[in-house]
Amino acid sequence: MSIFSKIKSAIFGEKGPLGSGHFGTPKPAAPAPAAIAPKPAPAAPAPQTAPAATQPVDVEAVLSGMASRKNSDLNWRSSIVDLMKLLDLDSSLDNRKELATELGYTGAKDGSAEMNIWLHKAVMRELAKNGGTVPAGLQD
């Protein structure tokens, strides 16, 4: 899985925006074996809802919520390293170099401030392209 895919999954959830796993939602339990006890047939089918993938994810709200729950003072709004730490991802230079390659960074991949600032903005732009609502100030 690419570094950006890990970032996206950590923010959007395992099955797309607001899908299972989003905000630490527990995954559904495995179905009980049929041999234990038969289930009665439901009286009526459950109402259908629109797929969650069509709903935009408020990236700032998700990240602010994560920081609040973790009681974190990480500067995720401008630091790629702090953003990755907030998402419990490896923020090492090697991973940032890999992320820079994935996102098309053409400068020196030396961990410079220039590279890190570019990475943060590129990640925010990519999140916006992939169904996230990201304030313009975080993309510029």
N, C-alpha and C. Protein backbone atom coordinates (compact mmCIF):
# COMPACT_ATOMS: atom_id res chain seq x y z
N MET A 1 0.86 -1.17 0.00
CA MET A 1 0.00 0.00 0.00
C MET A 1 0.90 1.23 0.00
N SER A 2 0.58 2.18 -0.84
CA SER A 2 1.39 3.40 -0.93
C SER A 2 1.24 4.24 0.34
N ILE A 3 2.17 5.13 0.54
CA ILE A 3 2.13 6.00 1.71
C ILE A 3 0.88 6.88 1.65
N PHE A 4 0.59 7.43 0.47
CA PHE A 4 -0.61 8.27 0.37
C PHE A 4 -1.87 7.45 0.64
N SER A 5 -1.92 6.22 0.18
CA SER A 5 -3.08 5.37 0.44
C SER A 5 -3.26 5.14 1.94
N LYS A 6 -2.17 5.01 2.65
CA LYS A 6 -2.24 4.85 4.11
C LYS A 6 -2.78 6.12 4.76
N ILE A 7 -2.35 7.27 4.28
CA ILE A 7 -2.85 8.55 4.80
C ILE A 7 -4.34 8.66 4.53
N LYS A 8 -4.72 8.39 3.30
CA LYS A 8 -6.13 8.48 2.91
C LYS A 8 -6.98 7.51 3.73
N SER A 9 -6.52 6.30 3.90
CA SER A 9 -7.26 5.30 4.66
C SER A 9 -7.40 5.72 6.12
N ALA A 10 -6.34 6.30 6.68
CA ALA A 10 -6.39 6.72 8.08
C ALA A 10 -7.40 7.84 8.29
N ILE A 11 -7.62 8.67 7.28
CA ILE A 11 -8.56 9.79 7.40
C ILE A 11 -9.96 9.41 6.94
N PHE A 12 -10.07 8.73 5.82
CA PHE A 12 -11.38 8.41 5.23
C PHE A 12 -11.98 7.13 5.78
N GLY A 13 -11.20 6.28 6.37
CA GLY A 13 -11.70 5.00 6.84
C GLY A 13 -11.32 3.91 5.86
N GLU A 14 -11.49 2.68 6.29
CA GLU A 14 -11.03 1.54 5.51
C GLU A 14 -11.83 1.30 4.24
N LYS A 15 -13.09 1.69 4.22
CA LYS A 15 -13.92 1.42 3.04
C LYS A 15 -14.43 2.70 2.42
N GLY A 16 -13.58 3.71 2.35
CA GLY A 16 -13.97 4.96 1.73
C GLY A 16 -14.50 5.94 2.76
N PRO A 17 -14.86 7.12 2.30
CA PRO A 17 -15.32 8.15 3.22
C PRO A 17 -16.45 7.66 4.11
N LEU A 18 -16.24 7.83 5.39
CA LEU A 18 -17.21 7.46 6.42
C LEU A 18 -17.55 5.98 6.45
N GLY A 19 -16.67 5.16 5.88
CA GLY A 19 -16.92 3.72 5.87
C GLY A 19 -16.53 3.08 7.18
N SER A 20 -16.64 1.78 7.24
CA SER A 20 -16.29 1.03 8.44
C SER A 20 -14.84 1.33 8.80
N GLY A 21 -14.59 1.51 10.06
CA GLY A 21 -13.26 1.82 10.52
C GLY A 21 -13.02 3.31 10.68
N HIS A 22 -13.91 4.15 10.13
CA HIS A 22 -13.75 5.60 10.23
C HIS A 22 -13.97 6.05 11.67
N PHE A 23 -13.12 6.89 12.17
CA PHE A 23 -13.17 7.37 13.55
C PHE A 23 -13.11 6.24 14.55
N GLY A 24 -12.47 5.13 14.19
CA GLY A 24 -12.34 4.02 15.13
C GLY A 24 -13.61 3.23 15.31
N THR A 25 -14.56 3.35 14.39
CA THR A 25 -15.78 2.57 14.48
C THR A 25 -15.43 1.10 14.47
N PRO A 26 -15.95 0.33 15.43
CA PRO A 26 -15.61 -1.09 15.45
C PRO A 26 -16.11 -1.79 14.18
N LYS A 27 -15.34 -2.73 13.75
CA LYS A 27 -15.74 -3.51 12.58
C LYS A 27 -16.86 -4.45 13.00
N PRO A 28 -17.76 -4.79 12.10
CA PRO A 28 -18.84 -5.71 12.45
C PRO A 28 -18.27 -7.06 12.87
N ALA A 29 -18.92 -7.69 13.83
CA ALA A 29 -18.48 -9.00 14.28
C ALA A 29 -18.72 -10.03 13.19
N ALA A 30 -17.92 -11.07 13.20
CA ALA A 30 -18.09 -12.13 12.22
C ALA A 30 -19.45 -12.79 12.44
N PRO A 31 -20.13 -13.19 11.38
CA PRO A 31 -21.44 -13.82 11.55
C PRO A 31 -21.31 -15.12 12.33
N ALA A 32 -22.30 -15.40 13.15
CA ALA A 32 -22.31 -16.62 13.94
C ALA A 32 -22.55 -17.81 13.01
N PRO A 33 -21.94 -18.93 13.30
CA PRO A 33 -22.17 -20.12 12.47
C PRO A 33 -23.64 -20.51 12.50
N ALA A 34 -24.17 -20.98 11.39
CA ALA A 34 -25.58 -21.32 11.26
C ALA A 34 -25.96 -22.49 12.15
N ALA A 35 -25.01 -23.33 12.50
CA ALA A 35 -25.31 -24.51 13.30
C ALA A 35 -25.65 -24.17 14.75
N ILE A 36 -25.30 -23.01 15.23
CA ILE A 36 -25.54 -22.64 16.63
C ILE A 36 -27.01 -22.38 16.87
N ALA A 37 -27.61 -21.49 16.16
CA ALA A 37 -29.03 -21.21 16.33
C ALA A 37 -29.54 -20.54 15.07
N PRO A 38 -30.64 -21.02 14.53
CA PRO A 38 -31.18 -20.37 13.34
C PRO A 38 -31.77 -19.01 13.70
N LYS A 39 -31.63 -18.08 12.81
CA LYS A 39 -32.17 -16.74 13.02
C LYS A 39 -33.54 -16.66 12.37
N PRO A 40 -34.50 -16.00 13.04
CA PRO A 40 -35.79 -15.82 12.39
C PRO A 40 -35.66 -14.85 11.22
N ALA A 41 -36.52 -15.03 10.24
CA ALA A 41 -36.50 -14.16 9.07
C ALA A 41 -36.96 -12.76 9.49
N PRO A 42 -36.31 -11.71 8.97
CA PRO A 42 -36.74 -10.35 9.33
C PRO A 42 -38.13 -10.06 8.78
N ALA A 43 -38.87 -9.25 9.52
CA ALA A 43 -40.23 -8.91 9.12
C ALA A 43 -40.25 -8.07 7.85
N ALA A 44 -39.31 -7.15 7.73
CA ALA A 44 -39.25 -6.29 6.55
C ALA A 44 -37.78 -6.00 6.26
N PRO A 45 -37.44 -5.79 4.99
CA PRO A 45 -36.04 -5.47 4.67
C PRO A 45 -35.65 -4.12 5.27
N ALA A 46 -34.38 -3.99 5.61
CA ALA A 46 -33.87 -2.73 6.16
C ALA A 46 -33.91 -1.66 5.08
N PRO A 47 -34.19 -0.42 5.47
CA PRO A 47 -34.23 0.64 4.46
C PRO A 47 -32.85 0.84 3.84
N GLN A 48 -32.84 1.14 2.56
CA GLN A 48 -31.59 1.38 1.85
C GLN A 48 -31.16 2.82 2.03
N THR A 49 -29.89 3.03 2.20
CA THR A 49 -29.35 4.39 2.30
C THR A 49 -28.36 4.60 1.18
N ALA A 50 -28.08 5.85 0.92
CA ALA A 50 -27.11 6.18 -0.13
C ALA A 50 -25.74 5.68 0.29
N PRO A 51 -24.92 5.26 -0.65
CA PRO A 51 -23.58 4.79 -0.30
C PRO A 51 -22.78 5.88 0.38
N ALA A 52 -22.03 5.48 1.40
CA ALA A 52 -21.25 6.45 2.16
C ALA A 52 -20.16 7.10 1.31
N ALA A 53 -19.69 6.42 0.26
CA ALA A 53 -18.59 6.93 -0.54
C ALA A 53 -18.94 8.23 -1.26
N THR A 54 -20.23 8.56 -1.37
CA THR A 54 -20.61 9.78 -2.06
C THR A 54 -20.56 10.99 -1.13
N GLN A 55 -20.40 10.78 0.15
CA GLN A 55 -20.36 11.88 1.11
C GLN A 55 -18.93 12.41 1.23
N PRO A 56 -18.76 13.72 1.13
CA PRO A 56 -17.41 14.26 1.31
C PRO A 56 -16.99 14.15 2.77
N VAL A 57 -15.72 14.02 3.00
CA VAL A 57 -15.16 13.93 4.34
C VAL A 57 -14.53 15.26 4.69
N ASP A 58 -14.92 15.84 5.81
CA ASP A 58 -14.33 17.08 6.29
C ASP A 58 -12.98 16.74 6.92
N VAL A 59 -11.92 16.87 6.13
CA VAL A 59 -10.59 16.45 6.53
C VAL A 59 -10.14 17.21 7.78
N GLU A 60 -10.38 18.52 7.81
CA GLU A 60 -9.97 19.30 8.98
C GLU A 60 -10.68 18.82 10.24
N ALA A 61 -11.98 18.54 10.14
CA ALA A 61 -12.73 18.07 11.31
C ALA A 61 -12.22 16.70 11.77
N VAL A 62 -11.93 15.81 10.83
CA VAL A 62 -11.43 14.48 11.18
C VAL A 62 -10.10 14.61 11.91
N LEU A 63 -9.18 15.40 11.35
CA LEU A 63 -7.85 15.53 11.95
C LEU A 63 -7.91 16.27 13.28
N SER A 64 -8.75 17.29 13.37
CA SER A 64 -8.90 18.00 14.64
C SER A 64 -9.47 17.07 15.71
N GLY A 65 -10.43 16.25 15.31
CA GLY A 65 -11.00 15.28 16.24
C GLY A 65 -9.97 14.27 16.71
N MET A 66 -9.15 13.79 15.80
CA MET A 66 -8.10 12.84 16.17
C MET A 66 -7.12 13.49 17.15
N ALA A 67 -6.73 14.72 16.85
CA ALA A 67 -5.78 15.43 17.73
C ALA A 67 -6.39 15.65 19.10
N SER A 68 -7.67 15.98 19.14
CA SER A 68 -8.35 16.20 20.40
C SER A 68 -8.43 14.91 21.22
N ARG A 69 -8.81 13.81 20.58
CA ARG A 69 -8.91 12.53 21.28
C ARG A 69 -7.57 12.06 21.80
N LYS A 70 -6.52 12.38 21.06
CA LYS A 70 -5.17 11.96 21.47
C LYS A 70 -4.53 12.98 22.41
N ASN A 71 -5.26 14.08 22.66
CA ASN A 71 -4.72 15.17 23.48
C ASN A 71 -3.35 15.59 22.93
N SER A 72 -3.33 15.78 21.62
CA SER A 72 -2.09 16.05 20.91
C SER A 72 -1.94 17.53 20.56
N ASP A 73 -0.72 18.01 20.65
CA ASP A 73 -0.45 19.38 20.24
C ASP A 73 0.40 19.40 18.95
N LEU A 74 0.30 18.34 18.17
CA LEU A 74 1.03 18.26 16.91
C LEU A 74 0.53 19.33 15.94
N ASN A 75 1.44 19.90 15.18
CA ASN A 75 1.11 20.95 14.22
C ASN A 75 0.78 20.33 12.86
N TRP A 76 -0.27 19.52 12.80
CA TRP A 76 -0.62 18.79 11.58
C TRP A 76 -1.09 19.72 10.47
N ARG A 77 -1.51 20.94 10.80
CA ARG A 77 -2.02 21.86 9.77
C ARG A 77 -0.92 22.36 8.83
N SER A 78 0.33 22.28 9.25
CA SER A 78 1.39 22.75 8.36
C SER A 78 2.60 21.81 8.28
N SER A 79 2.65 20.80 9.12
CA SER A 79 3.81 19.91 9.14
C SER A 79 3.44 18.51 8.66
N ILE A 80 4.10 18.04 7.61
CA ILE A 80 3.86 16.69 7.10
C ILE A 80 4.30 15.66 8.13
N VAL A 81 5.36 15.94 8.85
CA VAL A 81 5.84 15.01 9.88
C VAL A 81 4.79 14.88 10.98
N ASP A 82 4.26 16.01 11.46
CA ASP A 82 3.25 15.96 12.51
C ASP A 82 1.95 15.33 12.01
N LEU A 83 1.59 15.59 10.75
CA LEU A 83 0.40 14.97 10.18
C LEU A 83 0.55 13.45 10.18
N MET A 84 1.69 12.96 9.75
CA MET A 84 1.92 11.52 9.71
C MET A 84 1.94 10.93 11.12
N LYS A 85 2.53 11.65 12.06
CA LYS A 85 2.55 11.18 13.45
C LYS A 85 1.13 11.11 14.01
N LEU A 86 0.31 12.10 13.72
CA LEU A 86 -1.08 12.11 14.18
C LEU A 86 -1.84 10.88 13.66
N LEU A 87 -1.52 10.48 12.44
CA LEU A 87 -2.18 9.33 11.81
C LEU A 87 -1.51 8.01 12.16
N ASP A 88 -0.53 8.05 13.08
CA ASP A 88 0.22 6.87 13.51
C ASP A 88 0.95 6.20 12.35
N LEU A 89 1.49 7.03 11.45
CA LEU A 89 2.27 6.54 10.33
C LEU A 89 3.74 6.89 10.54
N ASP A 90 4.61 6.10 9.97
CA ASP A 90 6.05 6.33 10.04
C ASP A 90 6.38 7.61 9.28
N SER A 91 6.92 8.60 10.00
CA SER A 91 7.24 9.89 9.38
C SER A 91 8.72 10.02 9.04
N SER A 92 9.41 8.89 8.94
CA SER A 92 10.84 8.91 8.66
C SER A 92 11.12 9.55 7.30
N LEU A 93 12.36 9.99 7.12
CA LEU A 93 12.76 10.58 5.85
C LEU A 93 12.54 9.60 4.70
N ASP A 94 12.82 8.33 4.92
CA ASP A 94 12.62 7.35 3.84
C ASP A 94 11.15 7.31 3.40
N ASN A 95 10.23 7.33 4.36
CA ASN A 95 8.80 7.32 3.99
C ASN A 95 8.40 8.63 3.32
N ARG A 96 8.95 9.74 3.78
CA ARG A 96 8.62 11.02 3.14
C ARG A 96 9.21 11.08 1.73
N LYS A 97 10.37 10.49 1.53
CA LYS A 97 10.93 10.42 0.17
C LYS A 97 10.02 9.60 -0.73
N GLU A 98 9.53 8.47 -0.21
CA GLU A 98 8.62 7.62 -0.99
C GLU A 98 7.34 8.38 -1.31
N LEU A 99 6.80 9.10 -0.34
CA LEU A 99 5.60 9.90 -0.56
C LEU A 99 5.86 10.98 -1.60
N ALA A 100 7.03 11.62 -1.53
CA ALA A 100 7.39 12.66 -2.50
C ALA A 100 7.43 12.08 -3.91
N THR A 101 7.97 10.89 -4.05
CA THR A 101 8.02 10.23 -5.35
C THR A 101 6.61 9.92 -5.85
N GLU A 102 5.76 9.37 -4.96
CA GLU A 102 4.38 9.06 -5.33
C GLU A 102 3.63 10.28 -5.84
N LEU A 103 3.85 11.42 -5.19
CA LEU A 103 3.09 12.63 -5.50
C LEU A 103 3.75 13.51 -6.56
N GLY A 104 4.89 13.09 -7.06
CA GLY A 104 5.52 13.79 -8.18
C GLY A 104 6.44 14.93 -7.81
N TYR A 105 7.02 14.92 -6.63
CA TYR A 105 7.95 15.98 -6.24
C TYR A 105 9.23 15.84 -7.06
N THR A 106 9.68 16.96 -7.65
CA THR A 106 10.85 16.91 -8.53
C THR A 106 12.11 17.52 -7.92
N GLY A 107 11.98 18.11 -6.74
CA GLY A 107 13.14 18.71 -6.09
C GLY A 107 13.99 17.66 -5.39
N ALA A 108 14.99 18.14 -4.68
CA ALA A 108 15.87 17.25 -3.93
C ALA A 108 15.08 16.61 -2.79
N LYS A 109 15.18 15.30 -2.71
CA LYS A 109 14.46 14.55 -1.66
C LYS A 109 15.39 14.37 -0.48
N ASP A 110 15.63 15.51 0.20
CA ASP A 110 16.60 15.55 1.29
C ASP A 110 15.99 15.90 2.64
N GLY A 111 14.67 15.95 2.71
CA GLY A 111 14.01 16.28 3.97
C GLY A 111 14.03 17.76 4.29
N SER A 112 14.33 18.58 3.30
CA SER A 112 14.39 20.02 3.52
C SER A 112 13.01 20.58 3.84
N ALA A 113 13.01 21.78 4.38
CA ALA A 113 11.74 22.47 4.65
C ALA A 113 10.94 22.61 3.36
N GLU A 114 11.62 22.92 2.27
CA GLU A 114 10.94 23.07 0.97
C GLU A 114 10.20 21.78 0.60
N MET A 115 10.86 20.64 0.73
CA MET A 115 10.24 19.37 0.40
C MET A 115 9.06 19.08 1.33
N ASN A 116 9.25 19.30 2.62
CA ASN A 116 8.20 18.99 3.59
C ASN A 116 6.98 19.88 3.43
N ILE A 117 7.19 21.15 3.15
CA ILE A 117 6.06 22.07 2.91
C ILE A 117 5.32 21.64 1.65
N TRP A 118 6.06 21.33 0.59
CA TRP A 118 5.44 20.88 -0.65
C TRP A 118 4.63 19.60 -0.40
N LEU A 119 5.20 18.67 0.34
CA LEU A 119 4.52 17.40 0.63
C LEU A 119 3.20 17.63 1.35
N HIS A 120 3.21 18.48 2.37
CA HIS A 120 2.00 18.73 3.14
C HIS A 120 0.90 19.29 2.23
N LYS A 121 1.25 20.28 1.43
CA LYS A 121 0.26 20.88 0.53
C LYS A 121 -0.22 19.88 -0.51
N ALA A 122 0.69 19.07 -1.03
CA ALA A 122 0.32 18.07 -2.04
C ALA A 122 -0.62 17.02 -1.43
N VAL A 123 -0.35 16.60 -0.21
CA VAL A 123 -1.23 15.62 0.45
C VAL A 123 -2.62 16.22 0.61
N MET A 124 -2.70 17.46 1.05
CA MET A 124 -4.00 18.10 1.23
C MET A 124 -4.74 18.24 -0.10
N ARG A 125 -4.02 18.59 -1.17
CA ARG A 125 -4.65 18.69 -2.49
C ARG A 125 -5.16 17.33 -2.94
N GLU A 126 -4.38 16.28 -2.72
CA GLU A 126 -4.78 14.93 -3.12
C GLU A 126 -5.97 14.45 -2.30
N LEU A 127 -6.01 14.79 -1.03
CA LEU A 127 -7.16 14.42 -0.20
C LEU A 127 -8.42 15.09 -0.75
N ALA A 128 -8.29 16.35 -1.16
CA ALA A 128 -9.42 17.07 -1.74
C ALA A 128 -9.87 16.41 -3.04
N LYS A 129 -8.94 15.97 -3.86
CA LYS A 129 -9.28 15.31 -5.13
C LYS A 129 -9.95 13.95 -4.91
N ASN A 130 -9.72 13.36 -3.73
CA ASN A 130 -10.21 12.02 -3.45
C ASN A 130 -11.42 11.99 -2.53
N GLY A 131 -12.15 13.09 -2.47
CA GLY A 131 -13.39 13.08 -1.70
C GLY A 131 -13.32 13.80 -0.37
N GLY A 132 -12.25 14.50 -0.12
CA GLY A 132 -12.13 15.24 1.13
C GLY A 132 -12.46 16.71 0.93
N THR A 133 -13.02 17.31 1.98
CA THR A 133 -13.23 18.75 1.98
C THR A 133 -12.08 19.33 2.79
N VAL A 134 -11.22 20.08 2.11
CA VAL A 134 -10.03 20.64 2.73
C VAL A 134 -10.06 22.15 2.55
N PRO A 135 -9.95 22.92 3.64
CA PRO A 135 -9.93 24.38 3.49
C PRO A 135 -8.80 24.82 2.56
N ALA A 136 -9.08 25.85 1.78
CA ALA A 136 -8.09 26.34 0.80
C ALA A 136 -6.77 26.68 1.47
N GLY A 137 -6.79 27.19 2.68
CA GLY A 137 -5.56 27.55 3.38
C GLY A 137 -4.64 26.38 3.63
N LEU A 138 -5.17 25.17 3.66
CA LEU A 138 -4.34 23.99 3.87
C LEU A 138 -3.81 23.43 2.56
N GLN A 139 -4.36 23.89 1.43
CA GLN A 139 -3.93 23.40 0.13
C GLN A 139 -2.95 24.33 -0.56
N ASP A 140 -2.95 25.61 -0.17
CA ASP A 140 -2.14 26.62 -0.86
C ASP A 140 -0.71 26.59 -0.43
